[in-house]
Amino acid sequence: MTIQSIYHTGFVVRDLERSLEFYTVFLGMSIERGPAESDSSWLAEVVGYPSVRMKMAYVGVGDGHSIELIEYIEPFGTPQPGLSDRNRPGSAHAAMVVDDVSEWRTRLETRRITVFGPRDVRDLEYPWARLAIYFQDPDGNWLEMVERHPRPEGSTEN
């Protein structure tokens, strides 16, 4: 009995189409599945609501791990002010390796997205981040971009 792979990270969003534009047009990811709408009793059992209707799509970069974007139509959930802190138990983020964190910072800030993280590059060996930033998607889901040296041949560290 073993876990075989990390399949996807799920984010609940308010408007699937708006989120797809952010993740595909702005961040440059590809749609890997969907969009689709489902209201099956099986899905209701999986998510633990007696009745559910949702729209969902998967985006990614082709490496086998996707971000699942889920818009709950029923039951509809309202955003909770003040629950966007990164340090709260239960908070989460998805991180991606990028080629140039500084360029991404500029692009995000041009779009008036608040970015956290240092501006100075550290000279650390793989797997440590040389530069990293945190920011939020349009629904407050946290994302991280990391710049680091390539994985050395034979390394099993992620």
C-alpha atoms as a PDB file:
ATOM      1  CA  MET A   1       0.000   0.000   0.000  1.00  0.00           C
ATOM      2  CA  THR A   2       1.884   3.092  -1.273  1.00  0.00           C
ATOM      3  CA  ILE A   3       1.167   6.569  -2.569  1.00  0.00           C
ATOM      4  CA  GLN A   4       2.122   6.446  -6.246  1.00  0.00           C
ATOM      5  CA  SER A   5       2.250  10.140  -7.188  1.00  0.00           C
ATOM      6  CA  ILE A   6       0.981  13.606  -6.333  1.00  0.00           C
ATOM      7  CA  TYR A   7      -1.996  14.042  -8.673  1.00  0.00           C
ATOM      8  CA  HIS A   8      -3.231  17.611  -8.247  1.00  0.00           C
ATOM      9  CA  THR A   9      -3.668  20.541  -5.893  1.00  0.00           C
ATOM     10  CA  GLY A  10      -7.219  21.888  -5.689  1.00  0.00           C
ATOM     11  CA  PHE A  11      -8.208  25.545  -5.332  1.00  0.00           C
ATOM     12  CA  VAL A  12     -11.768  26.771  -4.862  1.00  0.00           C
ATOM     13  CA  VAL A  13     -12.475  29.797  -7.050  1.00  0.00           C
ATOM     14  CA  ARG A  14     -15.399  32.166  -7.414  1.00  0.00           C
ATOM     15  CA  ASP A  15     -15.482  32.308 -11.245  1.00  0.00           C
ATOM     16  CA  LEU A  16     -13.914  29.450 -13.210  1.00  0.00           C
ATOM     17  CA  GLU A  17     -13.608  31.410 -16.468  1.00  0.00           C
ATOM     18  CA  ARG A  18     -11.832  34.324 -14.729  1.00  0.00           C
ATOM     19  CA  SER A  19      -9.468  31.900 -13.006  1.00  0.00           C
ATOM     20  CA  LEU A  20      -8.745  30.053 -16.249  1.00  0.00           C
ATOM     21  CA  GLU A  21      -7.760  33.361 -17.842  1.00  0.00           C
ATOM     22  CA  PHE A  22      -5.404  34.128 -14.932  1.00  0.00           C
ATOM     23  CA  TYR A  23      -3.745  30.707 -14.941  1.00  0.00           C
ATOM     24  CA  THR A  24      -3.545  30.243 -18.725  1.00  0.00           C
ATOM     25  CA  VAL A  25      -3.259  33.704 -20.289  1.00  0.00           C
ATOM     26  CA  PHE A  26      -1.368  35.478 -17.490  1.00  0.00           C
ATOM     27  CA  LEU A  27       0.696  32.655 -15.955  1.00  0.00           C
ATOM     28  CA  GLY A  28       1.007  30.684 -19.208  1.00  0.00           C
ATOM     29  CA  MET A  29      -0.239  27.303 -17.996  1.00  0.00           C
ATOM     30  CA  SER A  30      -2.215  24.981 -20.252  1.00  0.00           C
ATOM     31  CA  ILE A  31      -5.675  23.565 -19.703  1.00  0.00           C
ATOM     32  CA  GLU A  32      -5.038  19.886 -19.029  1.00  0.00           C
ATOM     33  CA  ARG A  33      -8.677  18.902 -18.479  1.00  0.00           C
ATOM     34  CA  GLY A  34     -12.040  20.573 -18.690  1.00  0.00           C
ATOM     35  CA  PRO A  35     -13.763  22.820 -18.133  1.00  0.00           C
ATOM     36  CA  ALA A  36     -16.625  20.572 -17.102  1.00  0.00           C
ATOM     37  CA  GLU A  37     -19.687  20.767 -14.887  1.00  0.00           C
ATOM     38  CA  SER A  38     -20.753  17.937 -12.590  1.00  0.00           C
ATOM     39  CA  ASP A  39     -23.599  17.278 -10.186  1.00  0.00           C
ATOM     40  CA  SER A  40     -23.259  13.527  -9.669  1.00  0.00           C
ATOM     41  CA  SER A  41     -24.226  11.754  -6.459  1.00  0.00           C
ATOM     42  CA  TRP A  42     -20.765  10.145  -6.495  1.00  0.00           C
ATOM     43  CA  LEU A  43     -19.111  13.578  -6.409  1.00  0.00           C
ATOM     44  CA  ALA A  44     -21.466  14.666  -3.612  1.00  0.00           C
ATOM     45  CA  GLU A  45     -20.211  11.710  -1.582  1.00  0.00           C
ATOM     46  CA  VAL A  46     -16.566  12.522  -2.342  1.00  0.00           C
ATOM     47  CA  VAL A  47     -16.792  16.167  -1.194  1.00  0.00           C
ATOM     48  CA  GLY A  48     -19.218  15.437   1.656  1.00  0.00           C
ATOM     49  CA  TYR A  49     -22.187  17.595   0.624  1.00  0.00           C
ATOM     50  CA  PRO A  50     -25.620  15.940   0.202  1.00  0.00           C
ATOM     51  CA  SER A  51     -26.091  17.805  -3.060  1.00  0.00           C
ATOM     52  CA  VAL A  52     -23.335  19.369  -5.125  1.00  0.00           C
ATOM     53  CA  ARG A  53     -22.948  21.084  -8.471  1.00  0.00           C
ATOM     54  CA  MET A  54     -19.576  22.402  -9.520  1.00  0.00           C
ATOM     55  CA  LYS A  55     -17.553  23.519 -12.496  1.00  0.00           C
ATOM     56  CA  MET A  56     -13.942  22.415 -12.651  1.00  0.00           C
ATOM     57  CA  ALA A  57     -10.875  22.459 -14.863  1.00  0.00           C
ATOM     58  CA  TYR A  58      -7.276  21.355 -14.495  1.00  0.00           C
ATOM     59  CA  VAL A  59      -4.332  23.563 -15.470  1.00  0.00           C
ATOM     60  CA  GLY A  60      -0.637  22.766 -15.457  1.00  0.00           C
ATOM     61  CA  VAL A  61       2.663  22.705 -17.268  1.00  0.00           C
ATOM     62  CA  GLY A  62       2.697  19.072 -18.375  1.00  0.00           C
ATOM     63  CA  ASP A  63       4.804  17.659 -15.551  1.00  0.00           C
ATOM     64  CA  GLY A  64       2.087  15.366 -14.170  1.00  0.00           C
ATOM     65  CA  HIS A  65       0.907  17.614 -11.323  1.00  0.00           C
ATOM     66  CA  SER A  66      -2.079  19.833 -12.062  1.00  0.00           C
ATOM     67  CA  ILE A  67      -3.931  22.589 -10.255  1.00  0.00           C
ATOM     68  CA  GLU A  68      -7.638  21.782 -10.142  1.00  0.00           C
ATOM     69  CA  LEU A  69      -9.793  24.922 -10.189  1.00  0.00           C
ATOM     70  CA  ILE A  70     -13.228  24.325  -8.645  1.00  0.00           C
ATOM     71  CA  GLU A  71     -16.205  26.694  -8.747  1.00  0.00           C
ATOM     72  CA  TYR A  72     -18.936  25.502  -6.365  1.00  0.00           C
ATOM     73  CA  ILE A  73     -22.335  26.419  -7.787  1.00  0.00           C
ATOM     74  CA  GLU A  74     -24.185  24.419  -5.118  1.00  0.00           C
ATOM     75  CA  PRO A  75     -23.614  24.734  -2.242  1.00  0.00           C
ATOM     76  CA  PHE A  76     -22.256  28.204  -2.895  1.00  0.00           C
ATOM     77  CA  GLY A  77     -19.514  29.314  -0.526  1.00  0.00           C
ATOM     78  CA  THR A  78     -18.783  32.920   0.342  1.00  0.00           C
ATOM     79  CA  PRO A  79     -15.240  34.187   0.890  1.00  0.00           C
ATOM     80  CA  GLN A  80     -14.247  34.693   4.525  1.00  0.00           C
ATOM     81  CA  PRO A  81     -12.512  38.023   5.153  1.00  0.00           C
ATOM     82  CA  GLY A  82      -9.281  37.686   7.078  1.00  0.00           C
ATOM     83  CA  LEU A  83      -8.703  34.047   6.176  1.00  0.00           C
ATOM     84  CA  SER A  84      -6.006  34.790   3.635  1.00  0.00           C
ATOM     85  CA  ASP A  85      -3.096  34.724   6.070  1.00  0.00           C
ATOM     86  CA  ARG A  86      -0.309  32.417   4.987  1.00  0.00           C
ATOM     87  CA  ASN A  87       0.468  31.336   8.555  1.00  0.00           C
ATOM     88  CA  ARG A  88      -2.939  29.923   9.557  1.00  0.00           C
ATOM     89  CA  PRO A  89      -3.145  26.164  10.038  1.00  0.00           C
ATOM     90  CA  GLY A  90      -5.094  24.870   7.070  1.00  0.00           C
ATOM     91  CA  SER A  91      -3.770  27.502   4.695  1.00  0.00           C
ATOM     92  CA  ALA A  92      -2.040  26.171   1.603  1.00  0.00           C
ATOM     93  CA  HIS A  93      -0.077  27.196  -1.449  1.00  0.00           C
ATOM     94  CA  ALA A  94       1.121  25.697  -4.704  1.00  0.00           C
ATOM     95  CA  ALA A  95       4.708  26.366  -5.722  1.00  0.00           C
ATOM     96  CA  MET A  96       6.235  26.339  -9.182  1.00  0.00           C
ATOM     97  CA  VAL A  97       9.807  26.528 -10.390  1.00  0.00           C
ATOM     98  CA  VAL A  98      10.365  29.417 -12.799  1.00  0.00           C
ATOM     99  CA  ASP A  99      13.362  30.655 -14.755  1.00  0.00           C
ATOM    100  CA  ASP A 100      13.344  34.281 -13.563  1.00  0.00           C
ATOM    101  CA  VAL A 101      11.570  35.273 -10.335  1.00  0.00           C
ATOM    102  CA  SER A 102      12.541  38.941 -10.756  1.00  0.00           C
ATOM    103  CA  GLU A 103      10.803  39.163 -14.134  1.00  0.00           C
ATOM    104  CA  TRP A 104       7.714  37.486 -12.701  1.00  0.00           C
ATOM    105  CA  ARG A 105       7.724  39.933  -9.773  1.00  0.00           C
ATOM    106  CA  THR A 106       7.726  42.842 -12.233  1.00  0.00           C
ATOM    107  CA  ARG A 107       4.923  41.283 -14.284  1.00  0.00           C
ATOM    108  CA  LEU A 108       2.802  40.618 -11.186  1.00  0.00           C
ATOM    109  CA  GLU A 109       3.369  44.081  -9.725  1.00  0.00           C
ATOM    110  CA  THR A 110       2.510  45.675 -13.092  1.00  0.00           C
ATOM    111  CA  ARG A 111      -0.855  43.942 -12.733  1.00  0.00           C
ATOM    112  CA  ARG A 112      -1.117  45.414  -9.186  1.00  0.00           C
ATOM    113  CA  ILE A 113      -0.739  42.025  -7.511  1.00  0.00           C
ATOM    114  CA  THR A 114       0.897  42.235  -4.086  1.00  0.00           C
ATOM    115  CA  VAL A 115       4.125  40.243  -4.021  1.00  0.00           C
ATOM    116  CA  PHE A 116       6.037  39.114  -0.928  1.00  0.00           C
ATOM    117  CA  GLY A 117       9.658  38.040  -1.012  1.00  0.00           C
ATOM    118  CA  PRO A 118      13.216  39.317  -1.125  1.00  0.00           C
ATOM    119  CA  ARG A 119      14.739  40.946  -4.189  1.00  0.00           C
ATOM    120  CA  ASP A 120      18.254  39.625  -3.644  1.00  0.00           C
ATOM    121  CA  VAL A 121      19.347  36.300  -5.136  1.00  0.00           C
ATOM    122  CA  ARG A 122      21.038  33.900  -2.727  1.00  0.00           C
ATOM    123  CA  ASP A 123      23.843  31.694  -3.978  1.00  0.00           C
ATOM    124  CA  LEU A 124      22.609  28.361  -2.628  1.00  0.00           C
ATOM    125  CA  GLU A 125      22.920  24.951  -4.213  1.00  0.00           C
ATOM    126  CA  TYR A 126      20.008  22.771  -5.278  1.00  0.00           C
ATOM    127  CA  PRO A 127      17.413  22.097  -3.827  1.00  0.00           C
ATOM    128  CA  TRP A 128      17.344  25.426  -1.982  1.00  0.00           C
ATOM    129  CA  ALA A 129      15.598  28.409  -3.517  1.00  0.00           C
ATOM    130  CA  ARG A 130      17.902  31.135  -4.747  1.00  0.00           C
ATOM    131  CA  LEU A 131      14.938  33.512  -4.973  1.00  0.00           C
ATOM    132  CA  ALA A 132      11.242  33.073  -4.147  1.00  0.00           C
ATOM    133  CA  ILE A 133       8.031  35.089  -4.022  1.00  0.00           C
ATOM    134  CA  TYR A 134       4.492  34.587  -2.706  1.00  0.00           C
ATOM    135  CA  PHE A 135       1.357  36.112  -4.240  1.00  0.00           C
ATOM    136  CA  GLN A 136      -2.358  35.372  -4.548  1.00  0.00           C
ATOM    137  CA  ASP A 137      -4.584  34.446  -7.461  1.00  0.00           C
ATOM    138  CA  PRO A 138      -7.803  36.478  -7.981  1.00  0.00           C
ATOM    139  CA  ASP A 139      -9.589  34.398  -5.304  1.00  0.00           C
ATOM    140  CA  GLY A 140      -6.898  34.615  -2.640  1.00  0.00           C
ATOM    141  CA  ASN A 141      -5.271  31.214  -3.221  1.00  0.00           C
ATOM    142  CA  TRP A 142      -1.567  31.462  -2.477  1.00  0.00           C
ATOM    143  CA  LEU A 143       1.047  30.729  -5.126  1.00  0.00           C
ATOM    144  CA  GLU A 144       4.817  30.644  -4.830  1.00  0.00           C
ATOM    145  CA  MET A 145       7.434  31.020  -7.540  1.00  0.00           C
ATOM    146  CA  VAL A 146      10.906  29.656  -6.903  1.00  0.00           C
ATOM    147  CA  GLU A 147      14.124  30.064  -8.854  1.00  0.00           C
ATOM    148  CA  ARG A 148      16.855  27.525  -8.187  1.00  0.00           C
ATOM    149  CA  HIS A 149      19.738  25.674  -9.763  1.00  0.00           C
ATOM    150  CA  PRO A 150      18.865  22.616 -11.911  1.00  0.00           C
ATOM    151  CA  ARG A 151      18.568  19.249 -10.186  1.00  0.00           C
ATOM    152  CA  PRO A 152      21.971  17.519 -10.137  1.00  0.00           C
ATOM    153  CA  GLU A 153      22.132  14.181 -11.899  1.00  0.00           C
ATOM    154  CA  GLY A 154      21.261  11.402  -9.487  1.00  0.00           C
ATOM    155  CA  SER A 155      19.636  13.694  -6.900  1.00  0.00           C
ATOM    156  CA  THR A 156      16.370  12.512  -5.367  1.00  0.00           C
ATOM    157  CA  GLU A 157      15.725  15.772  -3.521  1.00  0.00           C
ATOM    158  CA  ASN A 158      12.785  17.893  -4.657  1.00  0.00           C
END
